[in-house]
Every structure is written in structure tokens, then in C-alpha cells.
Amino acid sequence: MMRVLGGVALAVFILLPLVQAVLLSFTVTLEKDGVAAGAVGLMNYADVLAAPELRAAMVNSAVYVCLNVALCIGVGLPAAYALARFRFLGDRHFLLAMLVFRMTPPVVLSLPIFILFSKLGLVNSPLGIALVHCLFNLPITIWILESFIRAVPSAFDETAFIDGHSGPSFFFRHLVPMIAPGIGVAAFFCFIFSWVEVVFARILTVTAGKPITMAINAMFTFQTDIGMVMAMTCLSLVPGVAMIWLVRNHLARGFTLRA
């Protein structure tokens, strides 16, 4: 009985802010267009979707998150395979160094990255944010995928090559399906980090290319429309929920195998 009560209390504690945000997103908090404050409906969502800058922020976030996930998985897979299958001087230290770099606070690298990207013309561009996110997502991607590839016996590779498979054929037709849970876990972490990241989004989007996080931040003014802010917040949760739904089976298997 105590466990049930504890579980219910924990669920209420976690979900209460989300429930309040959803309720506020359907509530008009500032009078506008003849609609009185306190009215309930889809007005806030309509206003969000009607605002060009908010629509652009959603598109920008989707673009750089997809680019980031694709780059991290595309680069991380062969790198993880090399670390799992081949031995070279300092290989374990190299993997540890990548994880240590991942622990570096993003704000420490903000100034040199801004100077470099401004010279390359990548400021105010979703591509620039995607590339800088790869600096932090790629190490964790390689670490996750390396452990999954290491769990596959090397005899599996040898058997495939004896059967006549080429390197790319073995990699994409046999190895990738076998480590699909690991790819799902890595993609999930890359997506979550990029979707909610604020430091580089603020620094690298001075005048254009702003993502959802910066668009929500800009909505807080002297007279903030809380209902509209909550509507934008709820819309920003939809891609994350969709991502979890798409990779839910891989996530469950991936965390189990990783443990």
C-alpha cells in the first residue's frame, strides 16, 4: 500500500507542472481580438501557428536536430566499429578522452566556437548549430555504439566475410540491424540534447535561425502572454514524444543490453 501511495505521489509531483502547462495552453491569459481573459479554446495554438517567427523556429529546430542525429550516427558508427574491432596504442585512452571532453561545460567553448563559426559563415544557420552539437553528441554516440558492437562476437564478422559479403554489405545488411537498439539509444540522446540545448542556440543565432528554445525565451516580455508561451511549450514537446514513441522498442532493449 505504501508503495502504491509513494508511486502516486511521485507521479503527481512529476506530472503536475506538465498538467498545469497544458491547461494554461488552452486558456487565454491576455485579452485579445475581443476574447476575454480566462476563455478556454485553441486560440493560443492558433496564434502560435500564425506567427511567422514561431513557425520558423519550429522548422529551424527540426532541421538542425535531424542534421545532428544523422551526422552523429553516420560518423559514430564507423568510429565505434574501429574502436570495438581494432586495437591500437592508446585506444582506451582515446575513448576516455572523448568522454572527458563531453563533460566540458558548453559555455567554456562558446567564445572560440563563435569566433570560428563567424569566420566560416555558420552563425545564424541551423547547420552551424548542428555541427557544434556534434562536438558534444559524437563522443556519447561513439561510446554507446562501441559497447553494442563489442557485444557482437568478432566471429560474426568473419562468417559474413567468408560468405562473400563486402565491407559495406556486411556493415549495413548485418551489423546495423543487429545493433539497432544501440542506434536507437544513441539517436535518442542526440535528439534530446539538441532539442533542449540553449547555450549555443543563444550564441550562434544572433539575428536569424533561432530554434524553439530561443523563440520561447523571446516570448517573455514586460507583458507576457503565458497562455501562448505554454502553447508553444506544449508544441515543442510533440517531437520529443514522437521520437520516444518511434524508438520505444529499441530504447527498452538498448538500455537493457547496455546495463
C-alpha atoms as a PDB file:
ATOM      1  CA  MET A   1       0.000   0.000   0.000  1.00  0.00           C
ATOM      2  CA  MET A   2       2.819   2.384   0.872  1.00  0.00           C
ATOM      3  CA  ARG A   3       4.490   1.638  -2.449  1.00  0.00           C
ATOM      4  CA  VAL A   4       1.301   2.490  -4.314  1.00  0.00           C
ATOM      5  CA  LEU A   5       0.889   5.739  -2.392  1.00  0.00           C
ATOM      6  CA  GLY A   6       4.539   6.590  -2.966  1.00  0.00           C
ATOM      7  CA  GLY A   7       4.194   5.906  -6.685  1.00  0.00           C
ATOM      8  CA  VAL A   8       1.080   8.051  -6.927  1.00  0.00           C
ATOM      9  CA  ALA A   9       2.755  10.882  -5.023  1.00  0.00           C
ATOM     10  CA  LEU A  10       5.799  10.708  -7.293  1.00  0.00           C
ATOM     11  CA  ALA A  11       3.592  10.698 -10.419  1.00  0.00           C
ATOM     12  CA  VAL A  12       1.647  13.717  -9.164  1.00  0.00           C
ATOM     13  CA  PHE A  13       4.878  15.549  -8.327  1.00  0.00           C
ATOM     14  CA  ILE A  14       6.303  14.902 -11.814  1.00  0.00           C
ATOM     15  CA  LEU A  15       3.147  15.404 -13.867  1.00  0.00           C
ATOM     16  CA  LEU A  16       1.606  18.376 -12.035  1.00  0.00           C
ATOM     17  CA  PRO A  17       3.728  21.037 -13.800  1.00  0.00           C
ATOM     18  CA  LEU A  18       3.011  19.408 -17.173  1.00  0.00           C
ATOM     19  CA  VAL A  19      -0.730  19.269 -16.485  1.00  0.00           C
ATOM     20  CA  GLN A  20      -0.710  22.907 -15.453  1.00  0.00           C
ATOM     21  CA  ALA A  21       1.180  23.855 -18.629  1.00  0.00           C
ATOM     22  CA  VAL A  22      -1.342  22.001 -20.801  1.00  0.00           C
ATOM     23  CA  LEU A  23      -4.291  23.626 -19.041  1.00  0.00           C
ATOM     24  CA  LEU A  24      -2.771  27.097 -19.404  1.00  0.00           C
ATOM     25  CA  SER A  25      -2.078  26.464 -23.089  1.00  0.00           C
ATOM     26  CA  PHE A  26      -5.844  26.254 -23.678  1.00  0.00           C
ATOM     27  CA  THR A  27      -6.575  29.333 -21.551  1.00  0.00           C
ATOM     28  CA  VAL A  28      -6.496  32.928 -22.809  1.00  0.00           C
ATOM     29  CA  THR A  29      -4.352  34.844 -20.310  1.00  0.00           C
ATOM     30  CA  LEU A  30      -4.361  38.211 -22.116  1.00  0.00           C
ATOM     31  CA  GLU A  31      -7.448  39.758 -23.680  1.00  0.00           C
ATOM     32  CA  LYS A  32      -7.126  39.955 -27.454  1.00  0.00           C
ATOM     33  CA  ASP A  33      -9.367  40.233 -30.505  1.00  0.00           C
ATOM     34  CA  GLY A  34     -12.480  40.501 -28.397  1.00  0.00           C
ATOM     35  CA  VAL A  35     -11.711  37.297 -26.500  1.00  0.00           C
ATOM     36  CA  ALA A  36     -11.837  37.852 -22.745  1.00  0.00           C
ATOM     37  CA  ALA A  37      -9.065  36.610 -20.469  1.00  0.00           C
ATOM     38  CA  GLY A  38      -9.946  33.250 -18.983  1.00  0.00           C
ATOM     39  CA  ALA A  39     -11.664  31.916 -22.104  1.00  0.00           C
ATOM     40  CA  VAL A  40     -10.853  28.313 -22.989  1.00  0.00           C
ATOM     41  CA  GLY A  41     -10.132  27.133 -26.509  1.00  0.00           C
ATOM     42  CA  LEU A  42      -7.473  26.722 -29.188  1.00  0.00           C
ATOM     43  CA  MET A  43      -6.798  30.446 -29.586  1.00  0.00           C
ATOM     44  CA  ASN A  44      -3.269  30.252 -28.202  1.00  0.00           C
ATOM     45  CA  TYR A  45      -2.304  27.445 -30.570  1.00  0.00           C
ATOM     46  CA  ALA A  46      -3.816  29.355 -33.493  1.00  0.00           C
ATOM     47  CA  ASP A  47      -1.785  32.433 -32.564  1.00  0.00           C
ATOM     48  CA  VAL A  48       1.411  30.394 -32.295  1.00  0.00           C
ATOM     49  CA  LEU A  49       0.912  28.767 -35.690  1.00  0.00           C
ATOM     50  CA  ALA A  50       0.003  32.136 -37.209  1.00  0.00           C
ATOM     51  CA  ALA A  51       3.238  33.795 -36.056  1.00  0.00           C
ATOM     52  CA  PRO A  52       5.919  33.509 -38.820  1.00  0.00           C
ATOM     53  CA  GLU A  53       8.842  33.723 -36.385  1.00  0.00           C
ATOM     54  CA  LEU A  54       7.474  30.887 -34.242  1.00  0.00           C
ATOM     55  CA  ARG A  55       6.819  28.684 -37.273  1.00  0.00           C
ATOM     56  CA  ALA A  56      10.348  29.404 -38.490  1.00  0.00           C
ATOM     57  CA  ALA A  57      11.746  28.446 -35.074  1.00  0.00           C
ATOM     58  CA  MET A  58       9.990  25.064 -35.246  1.00  0.00           C
ATOM     59  CA  VAL A  59      11.402  24.424 -38.721  1.00  0.00           C
ATOM     60  CA  ASN A  60      14.901  25.506 -37.642  1.00  0.00           C
ATOM     61  CA  SER A  61      14.848  23.164 -34.650  1.00  0.00           C
ATOM     62  CA  ALA A  62      13.644  20.243 -36.760  1.00  0.00           C
ATOM     63  CA  VAL A  63      16.346  20.886 -39.366  1.00  0.00           C
ATOM     64  CA  TYR A  64      19.324  21.116 -37.042  1.00  0.00           C
ATOM     65  CA  VAL A  65      18.191  18.248 -34.820  1.00  0.00           C
ATOM     66  CA  CYS A  66      17.769  15.936 -37.826  1.00  0.00           C
ATOM     67  CA  LEU A  67      21.149  17.047 -39.193  1.00  0.00           C
ATOM     68  CA  ASN A  68      22.789  16.483 -35.831  1.00  0.00           C
ATOM     69  CA  VAL A  69      21.357  12.982 -35.380  1.00  0.00           C
ATOM     70  CA  ALA A  70      22.255  11.999 -38.951  1.00  0.00           C
ATOM     71  CA  LEU A  71      25.824  13.302 -38.624  1.00  0.00           C
ATOM     72  CA  CYS A  72      26.408  11.711 -35.222  1.00  0.00           C
ATOM     73  CA  ILE A  73      25.107   8.286 -36.280  1.00  0.00           C
ATOM     74  CA  GLY A  74      26.814   8.456 -39.682  1.00  0.00           C
ATOM     75  CA  VAL A  75      30.214   9.332 -38.200  1.00  0.00           C
ATOM     76  CA  GLY A  76      29.815   7.468 -34.915  1.00  0.00           C
ATOM     77  CA  LEU A  77      29.056   4.059 -36.412  1.00  0.00           C
ATOM     78  CA  PRO A  78      32.336   3.519 -38.306  1.00  0.00           C
ATOM     79  CA  ALA A  79      34.317   5.137 -35.469  1.00  0.00           C
ATOM     80  CA  ALA A  80      32.681   2.857 -32.901  1.00  0.00           C
ATOM     81  CA  TYR A  81      33.313  -0.184 -35.121  1.00  0.00           C
ATOM     82  CA  ALA A  82      37.004   0.713 -35.401  1.00  0.00           C
ATOM     83  CA  LEU A  83      37.343   1.112 -31.630  1.00  0.00           C
ATOM     84  CA  ALA A  84      35.497  -2.146 -30.960  1.00  0.00           C
ATOM     85  CA  ARG A  85      37.257  -4.332 -33.509  1.00  0.00           C
ATOM     86  CA  PHE A  86      40.792  -2.970 -33.828  1.00  0.00           C
ATOM     87  CA  ARG A  87      43.498  -2.446 -31.250  1.00  0.00           C
ATOM     88  CA  PHE A  88      45.965   0.435 -31.412  1.00  0.00           C
ATOM     89  CA  LEU A  89      48.149   2.304 -28.976  1.00  0.00           C
ATOM     90  CA  GLY A  90      46.004   4.424 -26.668  1.00  0.00           C
ATOM     91  CA  ASP A  91      42.626   3.220 -27.940  1.00  0.00           C
ATOM     92  CA  ARG A  92      41.076   3.010 -24.455  1.00  0.00           C
ATOM     93  CA  HIS A  93      42.592   6.357 -23.507  1.00  0.00           C
ATOM     94  CA  PHE A  94      41.173   7.884 -26.681  1.00  0.00           C
ATOM     95  CA  LEU A  95      37.668   6.722 -25.770  1.00  0.00           C
ATOM     96  CA  LEU A  96      38.089   8.066 -22.242  1.00  0.00           C
ATOM     97  CA  ALA A  97      39.357  11.399 -23.588  1.00  0.00           C
ATOM     98  CA  MET A  98      36.226  11.757 -25.719  1.00  0.00           C
ATOM     99  CA  LEU A  99      34.013  11.188 -22.684  1.00  0.00           C
ATOM    100  CA  VAL A 100      36.025  13.737 -20.691  1.00  0.00           C
ATOM    101  CA  PHE A 101      35.520  16.258 -23.492  1.00  0.00           C
ATOM    102  CA  ARG A 102      31.779  15.548 -23.370  1.00  0.00           C
ATOM    103  CA  MET A 103      31.816  16.609 -19.722  1.00  0.00           C
ATOM    104  CA  THR A 104      33.243  20.043 -20.606  1.00  0.00           C
ATOM    105  CA  PRO A 105      30.690  22.810 -19.876  1.00  0.00           C
ATOM    106  CA  PRO A 106      29.449  24.205 -23.218  1.00  0.00           C
ATOM    107  CA  VAL A 107      29.870  27.799 -22.049  1.00  0.00           C
ATOM    108  CA  VAL A 108      33.658  27.262 -21.804  1.00  0.00           C
ATOM    109  CA  LEU A 109      33.854  26.719 -25.576  1.00  0.00           C
ATOM    110  CA  SER A 110      31.242  29.298 -26.536  1.00  0.00           C
ATOM    111  CA  LEU A 111      33.620  32.166 -27.396  1.00  0.00           C
ATOM    112  CA  PRO A 112      36.147  30.223 -29.547  1.00  0.00           C
ATOM    113  CA  ILE A 113      33.315  28.421 -31.324  1.00  0.00           C
ATOM    114  CA  PHE A 114      31.546  31.723 -32.052  1.00  0.00           C
ATOM    115  CA  ILE A 115      34.745  33.267 -33.448  1.00  0.00           C
ATOM    116  CA  LEU A 116      35.464  30.210 -35.609  1.00  0.00           C
ATOM    117  CA  PHE A 117      31.917  29.862 -36.902  1.00  0.00           C
ATOM    118  CA  SER A 118      31.613  33.592 -37.644  1.00  0.00           C
ATOM    119  CA  LYS A 119      34.687  33.318 -39.876  1.00  0.00           C
ATOM    120  CA  LEU A 120      33.183  30.275 -41.607  1.00  0.00           C
ATOM    121  CA  GLY A 121      29.812  31.974 -42.096  1.00  0.00           C
ATOM    122  CA  LEU A 122      27.948  29.450 -39.949  1.00  0.00           C
ATOM    123  CA  VAL A 123      26.428  31.920 -37.477  1.00  0.00           C
ATOM    124  CA  ASN A 124      22.624  32.284 -37.727  1.00  0.00           C
ATOM    125  CA  SER A 125      22.459  28.933 -39.507  1.00  0.00           C
ATOM    126  CA  PRO A 126      20.859  25.653 -38.372  1.00  0.00           C
ATOM    127  CA  LEU A 127      23.843  23.872 -39.930  1.00  0.00           C
ATOM    128  CA  GLY A 128      26.175  25.688 -37.550  1.00  0.00           C
ATOM    129  CA  ILE A 129      24.168  24.609 -34.504  1.00  0.00           C
ATOM    130  CA  ALA A 130      24.009  21.030 -35.797  1.00  0.00           C
ATOM    131  CA  LEU A 131      27.782  20.920 -36.237  1.00  0.00           C
ATOM    132  CA  VAL A 132      28.555  22.334 -32.805  1.00  0.00           C
ATOM    133  CA  HIS A 133      26.111  19.913 -31.196  1.00  0.00           C
ATOM    134  CA  CYS A 134      28.013  17.081 -32.858  1.00  0.00           C
ATOM    135  CA  LEU A 135      31.056  18.066 -30.783  1.00  0.00           C
ATOM    136  CA  PHE A 136      29.169  17.046 -27.660  1.00  0.00           C
ATOM    137  CA  ASN A 137      26.917  14.325 -29.038  1.00  0.00           C
ATOM    138  CA  LEU A 138      29.520  12.415 -31.048  1.00  0.00           C
ATOM    139  CA  PRO A 139      31.540  11.196 -28.038  1.00  0.00           C
ATOM    140  CA  ILE A 140      28.498   9.753 -26.280  1.00  0.00           C
ATOM    141  CA  THR A 141      27.294   8.272 -29.586  1.00  0.00           C
ATOM    142  CA  ILE A 142      30.623   6.501 -30.140  1.00  0.00           C
ATOM    143  CA  TRP A 143      30.701   5.292 -26.535  1.00  0.00           C
ATOM    144  CA  ILE A 144      27.198   3.798 -26.746  1.00  0.00           C
ATOM    145  CA  LEU A 145      27.674   2.191 -30.167  1.00  0.00           C
ATOM    146  CA  GLU A 146      31.128   0.847 -29.307  1.00  0.00           C
ATOM    147  CA  SER A 147      29.731  -1.123 -26.379  1.00  0.00           C
ATOM    148  CA  PHE A 148      26.980  -2.624 -28.552  1.00  0.00           C
ATOM    149  CA  ILE A 149      29.373  -3.563 -31.351  1.00  0.00           C
ATOM    150  CA  ARG A 150      31.796  -5.086 -28.834  1.00  0.00           C
ATOM    151  CA  ALA A 151      28.924  -7.283 -27.594  1.00  0.00           C
ATOM    152  CA  VAL A 152      28.677  -8.816 -31.095  1.00  0.00           C
ATOM    153  CA  PRO A 153      31.258 -11.640 -31.411  1.00  0.00           C
ATOM    154  CA  SER A 154      34.001 -10.947 -33.931  1.00  0.00           C
ATOM    155  CA  ALA A 155      33.274 -14.370 -35.403  1.00  0.00           C
ATOM    156  CA  PHE A 156      30.073 -12.837 -36.758  1.00  0.00           C
ATOM    157  CA  ASP A 157      32.169 -10.528 -38.950  1.00  0.00           C
ATOM    158  CA  GLU A 158      34.424 -13.327 -40.110  1.00  0.00           C
ATOM    159  CA  THR A 159      31.486 -15.552 -41.031  1.00  0.00           C
ATOM    160  CA  ALA A 160      29.914 -12.777 -43.087  1.00  0.00           C
ATOM    161  CA  PHE A 161      33.168 -12.140 -44.969  1.00  0.00           C
ATOM    162  CA  ILE A 162      33.624 -15.875 -45.612  1.00  0.00           C
ATOM    163  CA  ASP A 163      30.101 -15.929 -47.053  1.00  0.00           C
ATOM    164  CA  GLY A 164      31.222 -13.336 -49.599  1.00  0.00           C
ATOM    165  CA  HIS A 165      29.894 -10.119 -48.101  1.00  0.00           C
ATOM    166  CA  SER A 166      31.859  -6.968 -48.764  1.00  0.00           C
ATOM    167  CA  GLY A 167      32.602  -4.475 -46.006  1.00  0.00           C
ATOM    168  CA  PRO A 168      29.647  -2.137 -46.749  1.00  0.00           C
ATOM    169  CA  SER A 169      27.297  -5.087 -47.343  1.00  0.00           C
ATOM    170  CA  PHE A 170      28.161  -6.651 -44.004  1.00  0.00           C
ATOM    171  CA  PHE A 171      28.001  -3.320 -42.214  1.00  0.00           C
ATOM    172  CA  PHE A 172      24.573  -2.217 -43.437  1.00  0.00           C
ATOM    173  CA  ARG A 173      22.830  -5.554 -44.007  1.00  0.00           C
ATOM    174  CA  HIS A 174      24.009  -7.443 -40.939  1.00  0.00           C
ATOM    175  CA  LEU A 175      25.742  -5.339 -38.299  1.00  0.00           C
ATOM    176  CA  VAL A 176      23.414  -2.318 -38.303  1.00  0.00           C
ATOM    177  CA  PRO A 177      20.223  -4.405 -37.838  1.00  0.00           C
ATOM    178  CA  MET A 178      21.900  -6.335 -35.029  1.00  0.00           C
ATOM    179  CA  ILE A 179      22.847  -3.181 -33.083  1.00  0.00           C
ATOM    180  CA  ALA A 180      19.607  -1.338 -33.880  1.00  0.00           C
ATOM    181  CA  PRO A 181      18.795  -0.930 -30.144  1.00  0.00           C
ATOM    182  CA  GLY A 182      22.106   0.830 -29.619  1.00  0.00           C
ATOM    183  CA  ILE A 183      21.446   3.110 -32.577  1.00  0.00           C
ATOM    184  CA  GLY A 184      18.042   3.909 -31.095  1.00  0.00           C
ATOM    185  CA  VAL A 185      19.565   4.817 -27.723  1.00  0.00           C
ATOM    186  CA  ALA A 186      22.268   6.966 -29.343  1.00  0.00           C
ATOM    187  CA  ALA A 187      19.751   8.748 -31.580  1.00  0.00           C
ATOM    188  CA  PHE A 188      17.532   9.399 -28.565  1.00  0.00           C
ATOM    189  CA  PHE A 189      20.327  11.071 -26.583  1.00  0.00           C
ATOM    190  CA  CYS A 190      21.436  13.131 -29.592  1.00  0.00           C
ATOM    191  CA  PHE A 191      17.882  14.274 -30.213  1.00  0.00           C
ATOM    192  CA  ILE A 192      17.186  15.231 -26.605  1.00  0.00           C
ATOM    193  CA  PHE A 193      20.437  17.177 -26.185  1.00  0.00           C
ATOM    194  CA  SER A 194      19.954  19.126 -29.410  1.00  0.00           C
ATOM    195  CA  TRP A 195      16.271  19.818 -28.875  1.00  0.00           C
ATOM    196  CA  VAL A 196      16.654  21.388 -25.426  1.00  0.00           C
ATOM    197  CA  GLU A 197      20.128  22.949 -25.751  1.00  0.00           C
ATOM    198  CA  VAL A 198      20.202  26.700 -25.066  1.00  0.00           C
ATOM    199  CA  VAL A 199      23.808  27.938 -24.720  1.00  0.00           C
ATOM    200  CA  PHE A 200      24.949  27.545 -28.328  1.00  0.00           C
ATOM    201  CA  ALA A 201      21.474  28.289 -29.637  1.00  0.00           C
ATOM    202  CA  ARG A 202      21.682  31.690 -27.950  1.00  0.00           C
ATOM    203  CA  ILE A 203      25.240  32.427 -29.092  1.00  0.00           C
ATOM    204  CA  LEU A 204      25.057  31.206 -32.693  1.00  0.00           C
ATOM    205  CA  THR A 205      21.613  32.610 -33.587  1.00  0.00           C
ATOM    206  CA  VAL A 206      22.053  36.339 -33.139  1.00  0.00           C
ATOM    207  CA  THR A 207      19.602  37.573 -35.776  1.00  0.00           C
ATOM    208  CA  ALA A 208      18.247  34.508 -37.597  1.00  0.00           C
ATOM    209  CA  GLY A 209      17.960  30.733 -37.437  1.00  0.00           C
ATOM    210  CA  LYS A 210      16.596  30.768 -33.896  1.00  0.00           C
ATOM    211  CA  PRO A 211      15.356  27.391 -32.587  1.00  0.00           C
ATOM    212  CA  ILE A 212      12.338  26.704 -30.404  1.00  0.00           C
ATOM    213  CA  THR A 213      14.224  27.243 -27.143  1.00  0.00           C
ATOM    214  CA  MET A 214      15.189  30.785 -28.115  1.00  0.00           C
ATOM    215  CA  ALA A 215      11.745  31.513 -29.550  1.00  0.00           C
ATOM    216  CA  ILE A 216      10.150  30.584 -26.222  1.00  0.00           C
ATOM    217  CA  ASN A 217      12.699  32.680 -24.352  1.00  0.00           C
ATOM    218  CA  ALA A 218      11.910  35.697 -26.571  1.00  0.00           C
ATOM    219  CA  MET A 219       8.204  35.411 -25.718  1.00  0.00           C
ATOM    220  CA  PHE A 220       8.874  36.522 -22.132  1.00  0.00           C
ATOM    221  CA  THR A 221       8.391  40.294 -22.235  1.00  0.00           C
ATOM    222  CA  PHE A 222       7.082  43.034 -19.946  1.00  0.00           C
ATOM    223  CA  GLN A 223       3.551  41.740 -20.572  1.00  0.00           C
ATOM    224  CA  THR A 224       3.986  38.033 -21.206  1.00  0.00           C
ATOM    225  CA  ASP A 225       1.155  36.039 -22.728  1.00  0.00           C
ATOM    226  CA  ILE A 226       1.539  32.967 -20.516  1.00  0.00           C
ATOM    227  CA  GLY A 227      -1.127  31.024 -22.385  1.00  0.00           C
ATOM    228  CA  MET A 228       0.698  31.496 -25.680  1.00  0.00           C
ATOM    229  CA  VAL A 229       4.028  30.585 -24.073  1.00  0.00           C
ATOM    230  CA  MET A 230       2.524  27.370 -22.715  1.00  0.00           C
ATOM    231  CA  ALA A 231       1.019  26.574 -26.124  1.00  0.00           C
ATOM    232  CA  MET A 232       4.436  26.943 -27.732  1.00  0.00           C
ATOM    233  CA  THR A 233       5.951  24.839 -24.943  1.00  0.00           C
ATOM    234  CA  CYS A 234       3.407  22.053 -25.454  1.00  0.00           C
ATOM    235  CA  LEU A 235       4.043  22.085 -29.209  1.00  0.00           C
ATOM    236  CA  SER A 236       7.767  21.779 -28.520  1.00  0.00           C
ATOM    237  CA  LEU A 237       7.086  18.576 -26.572  1.00  0.00           C
ATOM    238  CA  VAL A 238       5.375  16.856 -29.515  1.00  0.00           C
ATOM    239  CA  PRO A 239       8.567  15.940 -31.467  1.00  0.00           C
ATOM    240  CA  GLY A 240      10.171  14.545 -28.314  1.00  0.00           C
ATOM    241  CA  VAL A 241       7.146  12.393 -27.548  1.00  0.00           C
ATOM    242  CA  ALA A 242       7.077  11.244 -31.186  1.00  0.00           C
ATOM    243  CA  MET A 243      10.774  10.364 -31.016  1.00  0.00           C
ATOM    244  CA  ILE A 244      10.278   8.309 -27.876  1.00  0.00           C
ATOM    245  CA  TRP A 245       7.311   6.538 -29.485  1.00  0.00           C
ATOM    246  CA  LEU A 246       9.250   5.696 -32.654  1.00  0.00           C
ATOM    247  CA  VAL A 247      12.272   4.233 -30.850  1.00  0.00           C
ATOM    248  CA  ARG A 248      10.466   2.918 -27.756  1.00  0.00           C
ATOM    249  CA  ASN A 249      11.236  -0.742 -28.522  1.00  0.00           C
ATOM    250  CA  HIS A 250      14.875  -0.007 -29.316  1.00  0.00           C
ATOM    251  CA  LEU A 251      15.173   2.120 -26.172  1.00  0.00           C
ATOM    252  CA  ALA A 252      13.847  -0.633 -23.920  1.00  0.00           C
ATOM    253  CA  ARG A 253      16.144  -3.256 -25.449  1.00  0.00           C
ATOM    254  CA  GLY A 254      19.053  -0.847 -25.659  1.00  0.00           C
ATOM    255  CA  PHE A 255      19.059   0.174 -22.012  1.00  0.00           C
ATOM    256  CA  THR A 256      18.672  -3.482 -21.007  1.00  0.00           C
ATOM    257  CA  LEU A 257      21.594  -4.594 -23.154  1.00  0.00           C
ATOM    258  CA  ARG A 258      23.732  -1.615 -22.112  1.00  0.00           C
ATOM    259  CA  ALA A 259      23.188  -2.462 -18.438  1.00  0.00           C
END
